[in-house]
């Protein structure tokens, strides 16, 4: 999964899609996920890093990550 090249994002969680003109805000975890996906990190590695950094339940996080990536696809953030 890869973030489209034209997507702008900040560490504060602001995401902008210049193609559609849409902008979004995410929490720190969402911002971290997008930053990792911009680096072409696999979803497994995203889960590893976020679960370690935030000490969250792996199974719960994987479900939330799937939902989040589906939303990113719906908003044309991911290819």
C-alpha atoms as a PDB file:
ATOM      1  CA  UNK A   1       0.000   0.000   0.000  1.00  0.00           C
ATOM      2  CA  UNK A   2       1.392   3.357  -0.986  1.00  0.00           C
ATOM      3  CA  UNK A   3       0.401   6.968  -0.351  1.00  0.00           C
ATOM      4  CA  UNK A   4      -0.121   8.859  -3.618  1.00  0.00           C
ATOM      5  CA  UNK A   5       2.896  10.998  -4.453  1.00  0.00           C
ATOM      6  CA  UNK A   6       0.972  14.279  -4.579  1.00  0.00           C
ATOM      7  CA  UNK A   7      -0.495  13.927  -1.066  1.00  0.00           C
ATOM      8  CA  UNK A   8       0.806  16.486   1.416  1.00  0.00           C
ATOM      9  CA  UNK A   9       0.876  15.651   5.111  1.00  0.00           C
ATOM     10  CA  UNK A  10       2.314  17.113   8.279  1.00  0.00           C
ATOM     11  CA  UNK A  11       3.511  15.635  11.554  1.00  0.00           C
ATOM     12  CA  UNK A  12       0.582  17.393  13.226  1.00  0.00           C
ATOM     13  CA  UNK A  13      -1.857  15.207  11.262  1.00  0.00           C
ATOM     14  CA  UNK A  14      -2.972  17.524   8.456  1.00  0.00           C
ATOM     15  CA  UNK A  15      -3.458  15.697   5.141  1.00  0.00           C
ATOM     16  CA  UNK A  16      -4.182  17.456   1.844  1.00  0.00           C
ATOM     17  CA  UNK A  17      -5.119  15.928  -1.498  1.00  0.00           C
ATOM     18  CA  UNK A  18      -4.424  18.577  -4.177  1.00  0.00           C
ATOM     19  CA  UNK A  19      -6.186  16.523  -6.848  1.00  0.00           C
ATOM     20  CA  UNK A  20      -9.546  16.693  -5.080  1.00  0.00           C
ATOM     21  CA  UNK A  21      -8.920  19.754  -2.890  1.00  0.00           C
ATOM     22  CA  UNK A  22      -9.930  17.733   0.175  1.00  0.00           C
ATOM     23  CA  UNK A  23      -8.132  18.104   3.484  1.00  0.00           C
ATOM     24  CA  UNK A  24      -8.288  15.908   6.556  1.00  0.00           C
ATOM     25  CA  UNK A  25      -6.988  15.824  10.107  1.00  0.00           C
ATOM     26  CA  UNK A  26      -5.731  12.723  11.887  1.00  0.00           C
ATOM     27  CA  UNK A  27      -4.573  11.970  15.392  1.00  0.00           C
ATOM     28  CA  UNK A  28      -0.883  11.237  16.116  1.00  0.00           C
ATOM     29  CA  UNK A  29      -1.301   7.541  15.356  1.00  0.00           C
ATOM     30  CA  UNK A  30      -2.965   8.275  12.008  1.00  0.00           C
ATOM     31  CA  UNK A  31      -0.218  10.738  11.202  1.00  0.00           C
ATOM     32  CA  UNK A  32       2.397   8.097  12.053  1.00  0.00           C
ATOM     33  CA  UNK A  33       0.687   5.518   9.857  1.00  0.00           C
ATOM     34  CA  UNK A  34       0.605   7.894   6.899  1.00  0.00           C
ATOM     35  CA  UNK A  35       4.272   8.810   7.415  1.00  0.00           C
ATOM     36  CA  UNK A  36       5.247   5.128   7.421  1.00  0.00           C
ATOM     37  CA  UNK A  37       3.138   4.369   4.345  1.00  0.00           C
ATOM     38  CA  UNK A  38       4.820   7.290   2.544  1.00  0.00           C
ATOM     39  CA  UNK A  39       8.100   5.447   3.159  1.00  0.00           C
ATOM     40  CA  UNK A  40       6.558   2.340   1.537  1.00  0.00           C
ATOM     41  CA  UNK A  41       6.609   0.390   4.812  1.00  0.00           C
ATOM     42  CA  UNK A  42       4.520  -2.799   4.780  1.00  0.00           C
ATOM     43  CA  UNK A  43       1.325  -2.966   6.845  1.00  0.00           C
ATOM     44  CA  UNK A  44       2.930  -5.629   9.033  1.00  0.00           C
ATOM     45  CA  UNK A  45       5.851  -3.315   9.760  1.00  0.00           C
ATOM     46  CA  UNK A  46       3.466  -0.403  10.361  1.00  0.00           C
ATOM     47  CA  UNK A  47       1.646  -2.528  12.930  1.00  0.00           C
ATOM     48  CA  UNK A  48       4.954  -3.571  14.543  1.00  0.00           C
ATOM     49  CA  UNK A  49       6.149   0.011  14.898  1.00  0.00           C
ATOM     50  CA  UNK A  50       2.880   1.547  16.088  1.00  0.00           C
ATOM     51  CA  UNK A  51       2.143  -1.260  18.569  1.00  0.00           C
ATOM     52  CA  UNK A  52       5.616  -0.918  20.046  1.00  0.00           C
ATOM     53  CA  UNK A  53       5.569   2.876  20.169  1.00  0.00           C
ATOM     54  CA  UNK A  54       2.085   3.231  21.675  1.00  0.00           C
ATOM     55  CA  UNK A  55       1.829  -0.070  23.564  1.00  0.00           C
ATOM     56  CA  UNK A  56      -1.526  -1.005  22.007  1.00  0.00           C
ATOM     57  CA  UNK A  57      -3.171  -4.401  21.591  1.00  0.00           C
ATOM     58  CA  UNK A  58      -1.966  -5.923  18.315  1.00  0.00           C
ATOM     59  CA  UNK A  59      -5.239  -7.577  17.293  1.00  0.00           C
ATOM     60  CA  UNK A  60      -7.269  -4.445  17.993  1.00  0.00           C
ATOM     61  CA  UNK A  61      -4.746  -2.255  16.185  1.00  0.00           C
ATOM     62  CA  UNK A  62      -4.671  -4.485  13.088  1.00  0.00           C
ATOM     63  CA  UNK A  63      -8.459  -4.198  12.826  1.00  0.00           C
ATOM     64  CA  UNK A  64      -8.268  -0.410  13.232  1.00  0.00           C
ATOM     65  CA  UNK A  65      -5.429  -0.230  10.699  1.00  0.00           C
ATOM     66  CA  UNK A  66      -7.550  -2.085   8.147  1.00  0.00           C
ATOM     67  CA  UNK A  67     -10.441   0.340   8.710  1.00  0.00           C
ATOM     68  CA  UNK A  68      -8.102   3.343   8.480  1.00  0.00           C
ATOM     69  CA  UNK A  69      -6.493   2.191   5.242  1.00  0.00           C
ATOM     70  CA  UNK A  70      -9.957   1.589   3.730  1.00  0.00           C
ATOM     71  CA  UNK A  71     -10.866   5.181   4.608  1.00  0.00           C
ATOM     72  CA  UNK A  72      -7.612   6.426   3.076  1.00  0.00           C
ATOM     73  CA  UNK A  73      -8.471   4.551  -0.132  1.00  0.00           C
ATOM     74  CA  UNK A  74     -11.994   6.019  -0.189  1.00  0.00           C
ATOM     75  CA  UNK A  75     -10.519   9.527   0.043  1.00  0.00           C
ATOM     76  CA  UNK A  76      -7.939   8.770  -2.692  1.00  0.00           C
ATOM     77  CA  UNK A  77      -5.012   9.107  -0.302  1.00  0.00           C
ATOM     78  CA  UNK A  78      -3.702   5.614  -1.115  1.00  0.00           C
ATOM     79  CA  UNK A  79      -3.040   4.191  -4.572  1.00  0.00           C
END
